[in-house]
C-alpha cells in the first residue's frame, strides 16, 4: 500500500504560491522603474525634490543643479513658500522664483503667477518633469543663466518675472525651473 504524503504536497503548493508572489512583486517594481506602471514609491514629490535640491543649489552658487524625474499629479500646485519652509538654507520665499521653464508656452497644462511664487499643473494625467535650480546674486542670476545657455538647456528669460532679480539685486536669488523629462 502506498502512502500519500499530504505534507509534501502542501509544501510544494506553498512554494509555488510564494514564487508567484515574488515574481509579481519583481515585475511591478520593474514596470514602476521603467515608468510603464504608475507606482507611488517611484514618483517623487516635486516640492520635496525642490526642497532637497535647494540646499545644494544655495551652497554651490552659480552652479546649475538638476533633479531626477518628479511627478506632477493633476491639480498639483507648487508654492515658493512650501519649498522654503523648514529648509535650512536660510532664504525666504521672496528670494525664490518658480519658472515654467521648458513649459512656458504650454499654457493649457501649466500656469504660474506673475511674481514667480506659484506653479500649477492643470493636465489630466500625471506628468513627469525634471527641475533645474540655480542660485546667484540677484543682479547676476540672469547673466549666469545666459552663460549656461543652450549647452545647459536653460534660458535667461526664465527669470524675467522674478522680483528678487530686480527688487533685491544684491541678495541671493534662486530659480527653480521645470524641464522636460528626457530620460
Protein backbone atom coordinates (compact mmCIF):
# COMPACT_ATOMS: atom_id res chain seq x y z
CA UNK A 1 0.00 0.00 0.00
CA UNK A 2 1.31 3.47 -0.94
CA UNK A 3 1.10 6.31 1.48
CA UNK A 4 0.35 9.81 0.19
CA UNK A 5 2.33 12.47 1.91
CA UNK A 6 -0.03 15.43 2.24
CA UNK A 7 2.63 17.42 3.97
CA UNK A 8 4.85 17.28 0.91
CA UNK A 9 2.03 18.25 -1.42
CA UNK A 10 1.12 21.25 0.69
CA UNK A 11 4.74 22.32 0.86
CA UNK A 12 5.22 22.28 -2.94
CA UNK A 13 1.96 24.20 -3.43
CA UNK A 14 3.12 26.74 -0.89
CA UNK A 15 6.46 27.08 -2.69
CA UNK A 16 4.65 27.69 -5.98
CA UNK A 17 2.46 30.36 -4.37
CA UNK A 18 5.48 32.14 -2.87
CA UNK A 19 7.30 32.04 -6.22
CA UNK A 20 4.29 33.59 -7.97
CA UNK A 21 4.03 36.38 -5.40
CA UNK A 22 7.74 37.15 -5.67
CA UNK A 23 7.50 37.22 -9.48
CA UNK A 24 4.56 39.66 -9.36
CA UNK A 25 6.40 41.95 -6.92
CA UNK A 26 9.55 41.97 -9.08
CA UNK A 27 7.52 42.66 -12.23
CA UNK A 28 5.64 45.51 -10.54
CA UNK A 29 8.88 47.10 -9.35
CA UNK A 30 10.48 46.82 -12.79
CA UNK A 31 7.43 48.31 -14.52
CA UNK A 32 7.42 51.13 -11.97
CA UNK A 33 11.09 51.89 -12.61
CA UNK A 34 10.51 51.91 -16.36
CA UNK A 35 7.58 54.27 -15.90
CA UNK A 36 5.13 51.87 -17.52
CA UNK A 37 3.15 51.42 -14.35
CA UNK A 38 2.33 54.30 -12.03
CA UNK A 39 3.88 53.16 -8.79
CA UNK A 40 3.70 55.59 -5.87
CA UNK A 41 7.17 54.89 -4.42
CA UNK A 42 8.90 55.93 -7.65
CA UNK A 43 7.04 59.19 -8.13
CA UNK A 44 9.00 61.75 -6.17
CA UNK A 45 7.07 64.75 -4.99
CA UNK A 46 8.24 67.92 -6.79
CA UNK A 47 8.10 70.02 -3.61
CA UNK A 48 10.26 67.56 -1.68
CA UNK A 49 12.73 67.32 -4.57
CA UNK A 50 12.89 71.12 -4.85
CA UNK A 51 13.39 71.50 -1.10
CA UNK A 52 16.18 68.91 -1.03
CA UNK A 53 17.94 70.31 -4.11
CA UNK A 54 17.67 73.93 -2.98
CA UNK A 55 20.25 73.25 -0.29
CA UNK A 56 22.76 72.10 -2.94
CA UNK A 57 21.98 74.99 -5.28
CA UNK A 58 22.38 77.53 -2.49
CA UNK A 59 25.71 76.11 -1.28
CA UNK A 60 27.04 75.81 -4.86
CA UNK A 61 26.10 79.26 -6.12
CA UNK A 62 26.21 79.84 -9.88
CA UNK A 63 26.11 76.05 -10.42
CA UNK A 64 23.17 74.55 -12.28
CA UNK A 65 21.63 71.69 -10.27
CA UNK A 66 19.26 69.22 -11.99
CA UNK A 67 16.97 66.79 -10.21
CA UNK A 68 15.81 63.39 -11.32
CA UNK A 69 12.25 62.94 -12.55
CA UNK A 70 9.45 64.23 -10.34
CA UNK A 71 5.73 63.73 -10.89
CA UNK A 72 3.12 66.45 -11.02
CA UNK A 73 -0.32 64.98 -10.44
CA UNK A 74 -3.36 66.74 -11.91
CA UNK A 75 -4.15 69.83 -9.84
CA UNK A 76 -0.71 69.88 -8.17
CA UNK A 77 0.35 73.34 -7.02
CA UNK A 78 3.91 74.21 -6.08
CA UNK A 79 4.43 77.30 -3.94
CA UNK A 80 7.73 79.00 -3.18
CA UNK A 81 6.58 79.27 0.43
CA UNK A 82 6.11 75.49 0.73
CA UNK A 83 9.63 74.88 -0.61
CA UNK A 84 11.48 77.22 1.76
CA UNK A 85 9.52 76.27 4.88
CA UNK A 86 11.60 74.06 7.19
CA UNK A 87 14.60 74.41 4.87
CA UNK A 88 18.00 75.04 6.41
CA UNK A 89 19.10 77.26 3.52
CA UNK A 90 18.06 80.49 5.17
CA UNK A 91 16.27 82.17 2.29
CA UNK A 92 12.69 83.32 2.33
CA UNK A 93 10.03 82.88 -0.32
CA UNK A 94 10.76 86.30 -1.85
CA UNK A 95 14.25 85.07 -2.76
CA UNK A 96 12.89 82.06 -4.65
CA UNK A 97 11.38 82.25 -8.10
CA UNK A 98 9.45 79.41 -9.76
CA UNK A 99 9.56 79.29 -13.55
CA UNK A 100 7.67 77.16 -16.05
CA UNK A 101 10.99 76.79 -17.88
CA UNK A 102 10.61 74.42 -20.84
CA UNK A 103 6.83 74.52 -20.42
CA UNK A 104 6.42 78.31 -20.62
CA UNK A 105 4.49 78.02 -23.89
CA UNK A 106 2.20 75.22 -22.68
CA UNK A 107 -0.48 77.37 -21.04
CA UNK A 108 -3.13 74.65 -21.43
CA UNK A 109 -1.38 72.34 -18.97
CA UNK A 110 0.63 74.78 -16.82
CA UNK A 111 0.10 78.12 -15.15
CA UNK A 112 2.13 80.44 -12.98
CA UNK A 113 1.60 83.79 -11.39
CA UNK A 114 3.37 87.00 -12.33
CA UNK A 115 5.73 87.12 -9.34
CA UNK A 116 7.11 83.57 -9.70
CA UNK A 117 5.79 82.32 -6.39
CA UNK A 118 3.41 79.66 -7.76
CA UNK A 119 3.22 76.95 -10.44
CA UNK A 120 0.13 74.84 -11.08
CA UNK A 121 -0.32 71.75 -13.24
CA UNK A 122 -3.71 71.68 -14.98
CA UNK A 123 -3.24 68.49 -17.01
CA UNK A 124 -5.50 65.48 -16.68
CA UNK A 125 -2.81 62.79 -16.31
CA UNK A 126 0.33 62.76 -14.13
CA UNK A 127 3.30 64.47 -15.78
CA UNK A 128 6.95 63.60 -15.17
CA UNK A 129 9.34 66.53 -15.34
CA UNK A 130 12.75 67.43 -14.01
CA UNK A 131 13.70 70.54 -12.08
CA UNK A 132 16.69 72.83 -12.67
CA UNK A 133 17.86 75.03 -9.82
CA UNK A 134 20.29 77.91 -9.83
CA UNK A 135 21.16 80.39 -7.09
CA UNK A 136 23.21 83.52 -7.51
CA UNK A 137 23.22 87.17 -6.51
CA UNK A 138 20.02 88.69 -7.94
CA UNK A 139 21.71 91.07 -10.36
CA UNK A 140 23.87 88.22 -11.74
CA UNK A 141 21.28 85.45 -11.96
CA UNK A 142 20.05 86.30 -15.48
CA UNK A 143 23.62 86.54 -16.78
CA UNK A 144 24.57 83.23 -15.14
CA UNK A 145 21.61 81.52 -16.81
CA UNK A 146 22.71 83.06 -20.10
CA UNK A 147 26.21 81.64 -19.64
CA UNK A 148 24.80 78.12 -19.34
CA UNK A 149 22.70 78.85 -22.45
CA UNK A 150 21.96 76.18 -24.99
CA UNK A 151 24.58 73.77 -23.65
CA UNK A 152 22.81 73.72 -20.29
CA UNK A 153 19.39 73.81 -21.94
CA UNK A 154 18.39 76.90 -19.96
CA UNK A 155 17.16 80.35 -20.90
CA UNK A 156 17.82 83.68 -19.23
CA UNK A 157 14.17 84.57 -19.90
CA UNK A 158 13.16 82.18 -17.12
CA UNK A 159 13.85 84.91 -14.56
CA UNK A 160 12.14 87.79 -16.40
CA UNK A 161 9.28 87.82 -13.86
CA UNK A 162 11.40 87.19 -10.76
CA UNK A 163 11.13 90.09 -8.32
CA UNK A 164 14.29 89.03 -6.47
CA UNK A 165 16.34 89.76 -9.59
CA UNK A 166 15.26 93.41 -9.71
CA UNK A 167 13.91 94.28 -6.24
CA UNK A 168 16.82 92.92 -4.20
CA UNK A 169 19.71 92.73 -6.69
CA UNK A 170 22.43 92.42 -4.01
CA UNK A 171 20.84 89.44 -2.23
CA UNK A 172 20.84 85.78 -3.19
CA UNK A 173 18.07 84.83 -5.61
CA UNK A 174 17.25 81.26 -6.64
CA UNK A 175 15.23 80.00 -9.58
CA UNK A 176 13.56 76.61 -9.91
CA UNK A 177 12.54 75.84 -13.48
CA UNK A 178 10.55 72.95 -14.93
CA UNK A 179 12.41 70.89 -17.51
CA UNK A 180 11.39 68.20 -19.96
CA UNK A 181 11.96 64.68 -18.69
CA UNK A 182 14.12 63.28 -21.45
CA UNK A 183 15.19 60.11 -19.66
